[in-house]
Amino acid sequence: MTALVVGLGPVDPALVTPYLGADVRFEPNPTADDLAAAQGAIVRAAVDVDRELLARMPALRVIARPGVGGGRVDLAAAAEREIPVAITPGSNARAVAEGTFAYLLALVKRVPESHAYVAGGRWGIDPVPVPGDLDGKVLAVVGFGRIGRIVAGLGAAFGMSVIVHDPFVRAEAFENVPLEEAVARADAITLHLPGGDGELLDRTLLETARPGLVLVNCARAELISTGTLEWALDAGILRGVGLDVFTDEPIRNHPLANDPRVLLSPHTSGLSEAAMAATFRMAAEAVANTLQGRYPTFIVNFA
């Protein structure tokens, strides 16, 4: 008997069908009847899977959520029906780390400002934007999970002095410091924590930072508020900011959009071609394992 798996949100069939198995049919654009018959679902981050939607899927046995969190899935409602919600940790770690470091390089080397300087016909008229350096500078990696480890290695490869703050993990190859020390010593900070405890970098903490700090956040928007970023840029505490995450997505009319010291991207640091392929392969394998009577490796709603 052929099992039905549906995509909720844009899911390219070419990325999942090779891993679902020969006895599984994948439907990327499900009808109401498809939802009622679906035994598995691969769910994109922008889709809400609430009790009402779950009630429309009485045959559902597994949800696969590409990414590292349950996102907008009602985890308790799924657990009540013993539906595992599978995630795909590590599948995009290198992509996010590369995106983080691309931000860091562009901001320190003042690439956007230099482009605007030349494109605007200011060369030979106004002072040139002088690039900064990574070699010999202090990089504070806040959060030493899969992504933070890669970023730390990239920083070391560029000659940076890497310090690490993580409330749960101790780095063996780098100096471990409290958050207050990390902020006070850093020339650049990258954030890699999951959030959930409110603003991590507030004004009081940033007041202790060296003037001209570069900050990159590809983790969670709540780790530092837009208001704090505006204040720190105006005060000269921050000279460059890279953001790939926002409180409301998609974001429109961001207050910092026209600031030449700020780079924004549409939450795509983890969506490289290779990362997307790996993420959806892991999601499809989680669904296939469940339909074959095995538990997914990584689930977020019950043990």
C-alpha atoms as a PDB file:
ATOM      1  CA  MET A   1       0.000   0.000   0.000  1.00  0.00           C
ATOM      2  CA  THR A   2       1.363   3.407  -0.993  1.00  0.00           C
ATOM      3  CA  ALA A   3       1.778   5.940   1.820  1.00  0.00           C
ATOM      4  CA  LEU A   4       1.155   9.631   1.203  1.00  0.00           C
ATOM      5  CA  VAL A   5       3.514  12.374   2.382  1.00  0.00           C
ATOM      6  CA  VAL A   6       2.637  16.026   1.853  1.00  0.00           C
ATOM      7  CA  GLY A   7       4.660  19.207   1.700  1.00  0.00           C
ATOM      8  CA  LEU A   8       3.411  22.151   3.744  1.00  0.00           C
ATOM      9  CA  GLY A   9       5.096  25.203   2.312  1.00  0.00           C
ATOM     10  CA  PRO A  10       7.423  25.087  -0.705  1.00  0.00           C
ATOM     11  CA  VAL A  11       9.170  21.702  -0.829  1.00  0.00           C
ATOM     12  CA  ASP A  12      10.956  20.685  -4.040  1.00  0.00           C
ATOM     13  CA  PRO A  13       9.975  17.061  -4.772  1.00  0.00           C
ATOM     14  CA  ALA A  14      13.403  16.439  -6.292  1.00  0.00           C
ATOM     15  CA  LEU A  15      15.011  17.030  -2.887  1.00  0.00           C
ATOM     16  CA  VAL A  16      12.838  14.549  -0.959  1.00  0.00           C
ATOM     17  CA  THR A  17      11.396  11.834  -3.187  1.00  0.00           C
ATOM     18  CA  PRO A  18      14.680   9.898  -3.602  1.00  0.00           C
ATOM     19  CA  TYR A  19      14.770   9.362   0.185  1.00  0.00           C
ATOM     20  CA  LEU A  20      11.126   8.640   0.972  1.00  0.00           C
ATOM     21  CA  GLY A  21      11.081   5.138  -0.498  1.00  0.00           C
ATOM     22  CA  ALA A  22       9.438   3.431  -3.428  1.00  0.00           C
ATOM     23  CA  ASP A  23       6.133   2.902  -1.615  1.00  0.00           C
ATOM     24  CA  VAL A  24       5.658   6.575  -0.764  1.00  0.00           C
ATOM     25  CA  ARG A  25       3.947   9.230  -2.880  1.00  0.00           C
ATOM     26  CA  PHE A  26       4.892  12.839  -2.229  1.00  0.00           C
ATOM     27  CA  GLU A  27       2.387  15.619  -2.876  1.00  0.00           C
ATOM     28  CA  PRO A  28       3.856  19.155  -2.800  1.00  0.00           C
ATOM     29  CA  ASN A  29       0.485  20.880  -3.285  1.00  0.00           C
ATOM     30  CA  PRO A  30      -1.936  18.923  -1.115  1.00  0.00           C
ATOM     31  CA  THR A  31      -5.708  19.206  -1.336  1.00  0.00           C
ATOM     32  CA  ALA A  32      -8.030  18.763   1.647  1.00  0.00           C
ATOM     33  CA  ASP A  33      -8.375  15.087   0.707  1.00  0.00           C
ATOM     34  CA  ASP A  34      -4.595  14.733   0.580  1.00  0.00           C
ATOM     35  CA  LEU A  35      -4.291  16.221   4.063  1.00  0.00           C
ATOM     36  CA  ALA A  36      -6.881  13.801   5.388  1.00  0.00           C
ATOM     37  CA  ALA A  37      -4.959  10.830   3.984  1.00  0.00           C
ATOM     38  CA  ALA A  38      -1.391  12.002   4.670  1.00  0.00           C
ATOM     39  CA  GLN A  39       0.724   9.844   6.951  1.00  0.00           C
ATOM     40  CA  GLY A  40       3.710  12.185   6.857  1.00  0.00           C
ATOM     41  CA  ALA A  41       4.327  15.900   6.387  1.00  0.00           C
ATOM     42  CA  ILE A  42       7.446  17.911   5.586  1.00  0.00           C
ATOM     43  CA  VAL A  43       6.784  21.397   6.927  1.00  0.00           C
ATOM     44  CA  ARG A  44       8.573  24.645   6.077  1.00  0.00           C
ATOM     45  CA  ALA A  45       9.339  27.198   8.790  1.00  0.00           C
ATOM     46  CA  ALA A  46       6.698  29.745   7.725  1.00  0.00           C
ATOM     47  CA  VAL A  47       3.788  27.273   8.057  1.00  0.00           C
ATOM     48  CA  ASP A  48       1.696  27.051  11.238  1.00  0.00           C
ATOM     49  CA  VAL A  49       0.815  23.507  12.221  1.00  0.00           C
ATOM     50  CA  ASP A  50      -1.787  24.092  14.913  1.00  0.00           C
ATOM     51  CA  ARG A  51      -4.510  21.920  16.429  1.00  0.00           C
ATOM     52  CA  GLU A  52      -6.936  22.846  13.679  1.00  0.00           C
ATOM     53  CA  LEU A  53      -4.589  21.683  10.926  1.00  0.00           C
ATOM     54  CA  LEU A  54      -3.670  18.552  12.851  1.00  0.00           C
ATOM     55  CA  ALA A  55      -7.374  17.742  13.194  1.00  0.00           C
ATOM     56  CA  ARG A  56      -7.616  17.833   9.414  1.00  0.00           C
ATOM     57  CA  MET A  57      -4.852  15.197   9.212  1.00  0.00           C
ATOM     58  CA  PRO A  58      -6.217  12.204  11.165  1.00  0.00           C
ATOM     59  CA  ALA A  59      -3.835   9.686   9.570  1.00  0.00           C
ATOM     60  CA  LEU A  60      -0.671  11.695  10.312  1.00  0.00           C
ATOM     61  CA  ARG A  61       2.173   9.715  11.873  1.00  0.00           C
ATOM     62  CA  VAL A  62       5.169  12.064  11.585  1.00  0.00           C
ATOM     63  CA  ILE A  63       6.064  15.707  10.976  1.00  0.00           C
ATOM     64  CA  ALA A  64       9.499  16.657   9.670  1.00  0.00           C
ATOM     65  CA  ARG A  65      10.498  20.265  10.190  1.00  0.00           C
ATOM     66  CA  PRO A  66      13.648  21.186   8.200  1.00  0.00           C
ATOM     67  CA  GLY A  67      15.810  23.177  10.604  1.00  0.00           C
ATOM     68  CA  VAL A  68      16.798  23.032  14.258  1.00  0.00           C
ATOM     69  CA  GLY A  69      13.581  23.907  16.103  1.00  0.00           C
ATOM     70  CA  GLY A  70       9.911  23.074  16.280  1.00  0.00           C
ATOM     71  CA  GLY A  71       9.125  26.529  14.995  1.00  0.00           C
ATOM     72  CA  ARG A  72       5.416  27.082  14.468  1.00  0.00           C
ATOM     73  CA  VAL A  73       4.360  23.489  15.122  1.00  0.00           C
ATOM     74  CA  ASP A  74       2.082  22.876  18.127  1.00  0.00           C
ATOM     75  CA  LEU A  75       4.430  20.415  19.781  1.00  0.00           C
ATOM     76  CA  ALA A  76       2.078  19.571  22.637  1.00  0.00           C
ATOM     77  CA  ALA A  77      -0.819  18.812  20.293  1.00  0.00           C
ATOM     78  CA  ALA A  78       1.428  16.560  18.199  1.00  0.00           C
ATOM     79  CA  ALA A  79       2.709  14.795  21.312  1.00  0.00           C
ATOM     80  CA  GLU A  80      -0.845  14.123  22.483  1.00  0.00           C
ATOM     81  CA  ARG A  81      -1.354  12.104  19.321  1.00  0.00           C
ATOM     82  CA  GLU A  82       2.122  10.538  19.620  1.00  0.00           C
ATOM     83  CA  ILE A  83       3.230  12.229  16.403  1.00  0.00           C
ATOM     84  CA  PRO A  84       6.996  12.845  16.499  1.00  0.00           C
ATOM     85  CA  VAL A  85       8.199  16.214  15.221  1.00  0.00           C
ATOM     86  CA  ALA A  86      11.574  15.579  13.612  1.00  0.00           C
ATOM     87  CA  ILE A  87      14.229  18.224  12.978  1.00  0.00           C
ATOM     88  CA  THR A  88      17.472  18.297  10.994  1.00  0.00           C
ATOM     89  CA  PRO A  89      20.281  19.632  13.227  1.00  0.00           C
ATOM     90  CA  GLY A  90      23.667  20.166  11.640  1.00  0.00           C
ATOM     91  CA  SER A  91      22.432  20.045   8.067  1.00  0.00           C
ATOM     92  CA  ASN A  92      23.044  23.751   7.482  1.00  0.00           C
ATOM     93  CA  ALA A  93      25.693  24.481  10.122  1.00  0.00           C
ATOM     94  CA  ARG A  94      28.502  25.122   7.649  1.00  0.00           C
ATOM     95  CA  ALA A  95      26.288  27.281   5.461  1.00  0.00           C
ATOM     96  CA  VAL A  96      25.303  29.485   8.418  1.00  0.00           C
ATOM     97  CA  ALA A  97      28.928  29.685   9.565  1.00  0.00           C
ATOM     98  CA  GLU A  98      30.064  30.717   6.085  1.00  0.00           C
ATOM     99  CA  GLY A  99      27.272  33.297   5.922  1.00  0.00           C
ATOM    100  CA  THR A 100      28.282  34.654   9.316  1.00  0.00           C
ATOM    101  CA  PHE A 101      31.882  34.995   8.241  1.00  0.00           C
ATOM    102  CA  ALA A 102      30.896  36.563   4.919  1.00  0.00           C
ATOM    103  CA  TYR A 103      29.111  39.250   6.909  1.00  0.00           C
ATOM    104  CA  LEU A 104      32.127  39.688   9.167  1.00  0.00           C
ATOM    105  CA  LEU A 105      34.537  40.074   6.268  1.00  0.00           C
ATOM    106  CA  ALA A 106      32.281  42.455   4.352  1.00  0.00           C
ATOM    107  CA  LEU A 107      31.733  44.676   7.378  1.00  0.00           C
ATOM    108  CA  VAL A 108      35.340  44.777   8.557  1.00  0.00           C
ATOM    109  CA  LYS A 109      36.648  45.386   5.026  1.00  0.00           C
ATOM    110  CA  ARG A 110      33.854  47.942   4.457  1.00  0.00           C
ATOM    111  CA  VAL A 111      32.865  46.319   1.183  1.00  0.00           C
ATOM    112  CA  PRO A 112      29.385  47.893   0.877  1.00  0.00           C
ATOM    113  CA  GLU A 113      30.714  51.358   1.694  1.00  0.00           C
ATOM    114  CA  SER A 114      33.554  50.972  -0.807  1.00  0.00           C
ATOM    115  CA  HIS A 115      31.135  49.898  -3.521  1.00  0.00           C
ATOM    116  CA  ALA A 116      28.863  52.870  -2.834  1.00  0.00           C
ATOM    117  CA  TYR A 117      31.909  55.165  -2.808  1.00  0.00           C
ATOM    118  CA  VAL A 118      33.047  54.077  -6.270  1.00  0.00           C
ATOM    119  CA  ALA A 119      29.551  53.672  -7.751  1.00  0.00           C
ATOM    120  CA  GLY A 120      28.577  57.103  -6.476  1.00  0.00           C
ATOM    121  CA  GLY A 121      31.462  58.827  -8.242  1.00  0.00           C
ATOM    122  CA  ARG A 122      33.125  59.927  -5.015  1.00  0.00           C
ATOM    123  CA  TRP A 123      36.570  58.458  -5.772  1.00  0.00           C
ATOM    124  CA  GLY A 124      39.127  61.235  -5.873  1.00  0.00           C
ATOM    125  CA  ILE A 125      36.705  63.648  -4.220  1.00  0.00           C
ATOM    126  CA  ASP A 126      35.942  62.323  -0.729  1.00  0.00           C
ATOM    127  CA  PRO A 127      38.237  60.354   1.630  1.00  0.00           C
ATOM    128  CA  VAL A 128      38.232  56.636   0.835  1.00  0.00           C
ATOM    129  CA  PRO A 129      36.605  54.143   3.240  1.00  0.00           C
ATOM    130  CA  VAL A 130      39.648  52.538   4.906  1.00  0.00           C
ATOM    131  CA  PRO A 131      39.244  48.763   5.353  1.00  0.00           C
ATOM    132  CA  GLY A 132      39.822  47.165   8.727  1.00  0.00           C
ATOM    133  CA  ASP A 133      41.756  43.990   9.532  1.00  0.00           C
ATOM    134  CA  LEU A 134      40.927  40.581  10.944  1.00  0.00           C
ATOM    135  CA  ASP A 135      44.484  39.485  11.673  1.00  0.00           C
ATOM    136  CA  GLY A 136      45.316  40.094  15.318  1.00  0.00           C
ATOM    137  CA  LYS A 137      41.792  41.160  16.257  1.00  0.00           C
ATOM    138  CA  VAL A 138      39.642  39.520  18.934  1.00  0.00           C
ATOM    139  CA  LEU A 139      36.645  37.495  17.782  1.00  0.00           C
ATOM    140  CA  ALA A 140      34.091  36.617  20.474  1.00  0.00           C
ATOM    141  CA  VAL A 141      32.027  33.581  19.469  1.00  0.00           C
ATOM    142  CA  VAL A 142      28.899  33.539  21.636  1.00  0.00           C
ATOM    143  CA  GLY A 143      27.455  30.039  21.468  1.00  0.00           C
ATOM    144  CA  PHE A 144      29.761  27.099  20.773  1.00  0.00           C
ATOM    145  CA  GLY A 145      27.477  24.604  19.088  1.00  0.00           C
ATOM    146  CA  ARG A 146      27.906  23.235  15.585  1.00  0.00           C
ATOM    147  CA  ILE A 147      27.876  26.682  13.951  1.00  0.00           C
ATOM    148  CA  GLY A 148      29.974  28.455  16.578  1.00  0.00           C
ATOM    149  CA  ARG A 149      32.712  25.828  16.318  1.00  0.00           C
ATOM    150  CA  ILE A 150      33.033  26.371  12.571  1.00  0.00           C
ATOM    151  CA  VAL A 151      33.044  30.161  12.938  1.00  0.00           C
ATOM    152  CA  ALA A 152      35.758  29.929  15.588  1.00  0.00           C
ATOM    153  CA  GLY A 153      37.882  27.824  13.258  1.00  0.00           C
ATOM    154  CA  LEU A 154      37.427  30.310  10.425  1.00  0.00           C
ATOM    155  CA  GLY A 155      38.397  33.162  12.720  1.00  0.00           C
ATOM    156  CA  ALA A 156      41.547  31.376  13.812  1.00  0.00           C
ATOM    157  CA  ALA A 157      42.431  30.668  10.172  1.00  0.00           C
ATOM    158  CA  PHE A 158      42.277  34.420   9.506  1.00  0.00           C
ATOM    159  CA  GLY A 159      44.664  35.118  12.364  1.00  0.00           C
ATOM    160  CA  MET A 160      42.058  36.280  14.850  1.00  0.00           C
ATOM    161  CA  SER A 161      42.356  35.699  18.586  1.00  0.00           C
ATOM    162  CA  VAL A 162      39.209  33.689  19.337  1.00  0.00           C
ATOM    163  CA  ILE A 163      37.441  33.761  22.688  1.00  0.00           C
ATOM    164  CA  VAL A 164      34.298  31.771  23.424  1.00  0.00           C
ATOM    165  CA  HIS A 165      31.292  32.208  25.655  1.00  0.00           C
ATOM    166  CA  ASP A 166      28.757  29.433  26.020  1.00  0.00           C
ATOM    167  CA  PRO A 167      26.670  28.828  29.156  1.00  0.00           C
ATOM    168  CA  PHE A 168      26.651  25.061  28.620  1.00  0.00           C
ATOM    169  CA  VAL A 169      29.593  24.047  26.412  1.00  0.00           C
ATOM    170  CA  ARG A 170      33.299  24.462  27.094  1.00  0.00           C
ATOM    171  CA  ALA A 171      35.661  24.988  24.159  1.00  0.00           C
ATOM    172  CA  GLU A 172      38.848  22.959  24.396  1.00  0.00           C
ATOM    173  CA  ALA A 173      40.876  24.748  21.731  1.00  0.00           C
ATOM    174  CA  PHE A 174      39.900  28.322  22.620  1.00  0.00           C
ATOM    175  CA  GLU A 175      39.769  30.565  25.686  1.00  0.00           C
ATOM    176  CA  ASN A 176      36.458  30.385  27.556  1.00  0.00           C
ATOM    177  CA  VAL A 177      35.232  33.635  29.114  1.00  0.00           C
ATOM    178  CA  PRO A 178      32.105  35.074  30.764  1.00  0.00           C
ATOM    179  CA  LEU A 179      29.787  37.046  28.507  1.00  0.00           C
ATOM    180  CA  GLU A 180      30.773  40.348  30.119  1.00  0.00           C
ATOM    181  CA  GLU A 181      34.439  39.702  29.357  1.00  0.00           C
ATOM    182  CA  ALA A 182      33.664  38.595  25.815  1.00  0.00           C
ATOM    183  CA  VAL A 183      31.871  41.876  25.094  1.00  0.00           C
ATOM    184  CA  ALA A 184      34.542  44.008  26.753  1.00  0.00           C
ATOM    185  CA  ARG A 185      37.443  42.422  24.856  1.00  0.00           C
ATOM    186  CA  ALA A 186      35.942  41.792  21.420  1.00  0.00           C
ATOM    187  CA  ASP A 187      36.597  43.595  18.178  1.00  0.00           C
ATOM    188  CA  ALA A 188      33.895  41.447  16.593  1.00  0.00           C
ATOM    189  CA  ILE A 189      31.073  39.346  18.044  1.00  0.00           C
ATOM    190  CA  THR A 190      29.084  36.597  16.360  1.00  0.00           C
ATOM    191  CA  LEU A 191      25.932  35.179  17.958  1.00  0.00           C
ATOM    192  CA  HIS A 192      25.019  31.492  17.845  1.00  0.00           C
ATOM    193  CA  LEU A 193      22.643  30.898  20.778  1.00  0.00           C
ATOM    194  CA  PRO A 194      19.045  29.646  20.502  1.00  0.00           C
ATOM    195  CA  GLY A 195      17.415  32.510  22.394  1.00  0.00           C
ATOM    196  CA  GLY A 196      14.351  32.228  24.570  1.00  0.00           C
ATOM    197  CA  ASP A 197      15.637  34.252  27.527  1.00  0.00           C
ATOM    198  CA  GLY A 198      15.097  37.765  26.190  1.00  0.00           C
ATOM    199  CA  GLU A 199      17.715  40.252  25.057  1.00  0.00           C
ATOM    200  CA  LEU A 200      21.249  38.936  25.546  1.00  0.00           C
ATOM    201  CA  LEU A 201      23.185  42.063  24.567  1.00  0.00           C
ATOM    202  CA  ASP A 202      21.518  45.053  26.196  1.00  0.00           C
ATOM    203  CA  ARG A 203      22.672  48.652  26.469  1.00  0.00           C
ATOM    204  CA  THR A 204      24.324  48.217  29.853  1.00  0.00           C
ATOM    205  CA  LEU A 205      26.450  45.380  28.524  1.00  0.00           C
ATOM    206  CA  LEU A 206      27.331  47.106  25.245  1.00  0.00           C
ATOM    207  CA  GLU A 207      28.451  50.227  27.077  1.00  0.00           C
ATOM    208  CA  THR A 208      31.499  48.196  28.165  1.00  0.00           C
ATOM    209  CA  ALA A 209      32.455  47.293  24.585  1.00  0.00           C
ATOM    210  CA  ARG A 210      35.323  48.785  22.621  1.00  0.00           C
ATOM    211  CA  PRO A 211      34.190  51.540  20.236  1.00  0.00           C
ATOM    212  CA  GLY A 212      33.940  50.270  16.663  1.00  0.00           C
ATOM    213  CA  LEU A 213      32.665  46.764  17.451  1.00  0.00           C
ATOM    214  CA  VAL A 214      31.328  44.638  14.577  1.00  0.00           C
ATOM    215  CA  LEU A 215      28.333  42.425  15.388  1.00  0.00           C
ATOM    216  CA  VAL A 216      26.827  39.606  13.323  1.00  0.00           C
ATOM    217  CA  ASN A 217      23.567  37.886  14.282  1.00  0.00           C
ATOM    218  CA  CYS A 218      22.511  34.879  12.229  1.00  0.00           C
ATOM    219  CA  ALA A 219      20.917  33.146  15.219  1.00  0.00           C
ATOM    220  CA  ARG A 220      17.821  34.712  16.828  1.00  0.00           C
ATOM    221  CA  ALA A 221      16.530  38.274  16.508  1.00  0.00           C
ATOM    222  CA  GLU A 222      15.658  38.539  20.204  1.00  0.00           C
ATOM    223  CA  LEU A 223      19.325  38.285  21.227  1.00  0.00           C
ATOM    224  CA  ILE A 224      19.674  42.021  20.529  1.00  0.00           C
ATOM    225  CA  SER A 225      16.811  44.389  19.812  1.00  0.00           C
ATOM    226  CA  THR A 226      16.600  46.803  16.901  1.00  0.00           C
ATOM    227  CA  GLY A 227      16.397  49.670  19.369  1.00  0.00           C
ATOM    228  CA  THR A 228      19.645  48.595  21.020  1.00  0.00           C
ATOM    229  CA  LEU A 229      21.342  48.309  17.631  1.00  0.00           C
ATOM    230  CA  GLU A 230      20.205  51.807  16.622  1.00  0.00           C
ATOM    231  CA  TRP A 231      21.452  53.255  19.908  1.00  0.00           C
ATOM    232  CA  ALA A 232      24.831  51.469  19.695  1.00  0.00           C
ATOM    233  CA  LEU A 233      25.395  52.578  16.095  1.00  0.00           C
ATOM    234  CA  ASP A 234      24.545  56.174  16.939  1.00  0.00           C
ATOM    235  CA  ALA A 235      26.860  56.054  19.957  1.00  0.00           C
ATOM    236  CA  GLY A 236      29.771  54.704  17.895  1.00  0.00           C
ATOM    237  CA  ILE A 237      29.900  51.502  19.920  1.00  0.00           C
ATOM    238  CA  LEU A 238      29.010  49.518  16.813  1.00  0.00           C
ATOM    239  CA  ARG A 239      30.600  50.320  13.473  1.00  0.00           C
ATOM    240  CA  GLY A 240      29.077  47.409  11.574  1.00  0.00           C
ATOM    241  CA  VAL A 241      26.051  45.129  11.948  1.00  0.00           C
ATOM    242  CA  GLY A 242      25.025  42.051   9.966  1.00  0.00           C
ATOM    243  CA  LEU A 243      21.526  40.639  10.471  1.00  0.00           C
ATOM    244  CA  ASP A 244      20.006  37.517   8.937  1.00  0.00           C
ATOM    245  CA  VAL A 245      17.203  37.143  11.505  1.00  0.00           C
ATOM    246  CA  PHE A 246      14.290  39.400  12.403  1.00  0.00           C
ATOM    247  CA  THR A 247      11.465  39.474  14.911  1.00  0.00           C
ATOM    248  CA  ASP A 248       8.861  39.559  12.143  1.00  0.00           C
ATOM    249  CA  GLU A 249       9.610  37.787   8.876  1.00  0.00           C
ATOM    250  CA  PRO A 250       9.399  38.756   6.111  1.00  0.00           C
ATOM    251  CA  ILE A 251      10.593  42.154   7.352  1.00  0.00           C
ATOM    252  CA  ARG A 252       9.683  45.337   5.511  1.00  0.00           C
ATOM    253  CA  ASN A 253      10.868  48.901   6.093  1.00  0.00           C
ATOM    254  CA  HIS A 254      13.532  47.907   8.606  1.00  0.00           C
ATOM    255  CA  PRO A 255      14.770  50.978  10.530  1.00  0.00           C
ATOM    256  CA  LEU A 256      18.395  50.185   9.656  1.00  0.00           C
ATOM    257  CA  ALA A 257      17.847  49.333   5.992  1.00  0.00           C
ATOM    258  CA  ASN A 258      19.466  52.528   4.690  1.00  0.00           C
ATOM    259  CA  ASP A 259      22.369  52.648   7.133  1.00  0.00           C
ATOM    260  CA  PRO A 260      25.607  52.015   5.157  1.00  0.00           C
ATOM    261  CA  ARG A 261      27.098  50.271   8.197  1.00  0.00           C
ATOM    262  CA  VAL A 262      24.368  47.625   8.217  1.00  0.00           C
ATOM    263  CA  LEU A 263      23.888  44.527   6.065  1.00  0.00           C
ATOM    264  CA  LEU A 264      20.556  42.671   5.986  1.00  0.00           C
ATOM    265  CA  SER A 265      19.649  39.350   4.385  1.00  0.00           C
ATOM    266  CA  PRO A 266      16.293  37.472   4.261  1.00  0.00           C
ATOM    267  CA  HIS A 267      17.124  34.681   6.746  1.00  0.00           C
ATOM    268  CA  THR A 268      19.006  32.802   4.030  1.00  0.00           C
ATOM    269  CA  SER A 269      22.413  32.162   5.589  1.00  0.00           C
ATOM    270  CA  GLY A 270      21.441  28.525   6.121  1.00  0.00           C
ATOM    271  CA  LEU A 271      19.817  28.059   2.715  1.00  0.00           C
ATOM    272  CA  SER A 272      22.798  27.401   0.491  1.00  0.00           C
ATOM    273  CA  GLU A 273      22.362  24.824  -2.269  1.00  0.00           C
ATOM    274  CA  ALA A 274      24.257  22.134  -0.377  1.00  0.00           C
ATOM    275  CA  ALA A 275      22.545  22.949   2.917  1.00  0.00           C
ATOM    276  CA  MET A 276      19.087  22.788   1.366  1.00  0.00           C
ATOM    277  CA  ALA A 277      19.841  19.405  -0.154  1.00  0.00           C
ATOM    278  CA  ALA A 278      21.153  18.037   3.146  1.00  0.00           C
ATOM    279  CA  THR A 279      18.279  19.513   5.164  1.00  0.00           C
ATOM    280  CA  PHE A 280      15.532  18.044   3.015  1.00  0.00           C
ATOM    281  CA  ARG A 281      17.326  14.704   2.734  1.00  0.00           C
ATOM    282  CA  MET A 282      17.374  14.476   6.546  1.00  0.00           C
ATOM    283  CA  ALA A 283      13.712  15.495   6.736  1.00  0.00           C
ATOM    284  CA  ALA A 284      12.696  12.884   4.155  1.00  0.00           C
ATOM    285  CA  GLU A 285      14.736  10.188   5.889  1.00  0.00           C
ATOM    286  CA  ALA A 286      13.046  11.024   9.203  1.00  0.00           C
ATOM    287  CA  VAL A 287       9.651  10.557   7.581  1.00  0.00           C
ATOM    288  CA  ALA A 288      10.706   7.338   5.855  1.00  0.00           C
ATOM    289  CA  ASN A 289      12.100   5.900   9.102  1.00  0.00           C
ATOM    290  CA  THR A 290       8.853   6.579  10.924  1.00  0.00           C
ATOM    291  CA  LEU A 291       6.689   5.067   8.216  1.00  0.00           C
ATOM    292  CA  GLN A 292       8.909   1.979   8.353  1.00  0.00           C
ATOM    293  CA  GLY A 293       8.383   1.643  12.095  1.00  0.00           C
ATOM    294  CA  ARG A 294      11.570   3.342  13.336  1.00  0.00           C
ATOM    295  CA  TYR A 295      11.845   6.533  15.366  1.00  0.00           C
ATOM    296  CA  PRO A 296      13.467   9.588  13.764  1.00  0.00           C
ATOM    297  CA  THR A 297      16.921  10.363  15.147  1.00  0.00           C
ATOM    298  CA  PHE A 298      16.143  13.940  16.216  1.00  0.00           C
ATOM    299  CA  ILE A 299      12.744  14.917  17.600  1.00  0.00           C
ATOM    300  CA  VAL A 300      11.677  17.922  19.681  1.00  0.00           C
ATOM    301  CA  ASN A 301       8.301  17.140  21.251  1.00  0.00           C
ATOM    302  CA  PHE A 302       8.919  14.000  23.305  1.00  0.00           C
ATOM    303  CA  ALA A 303      11.708  11.592  24.187  1.00  0.00           C
END
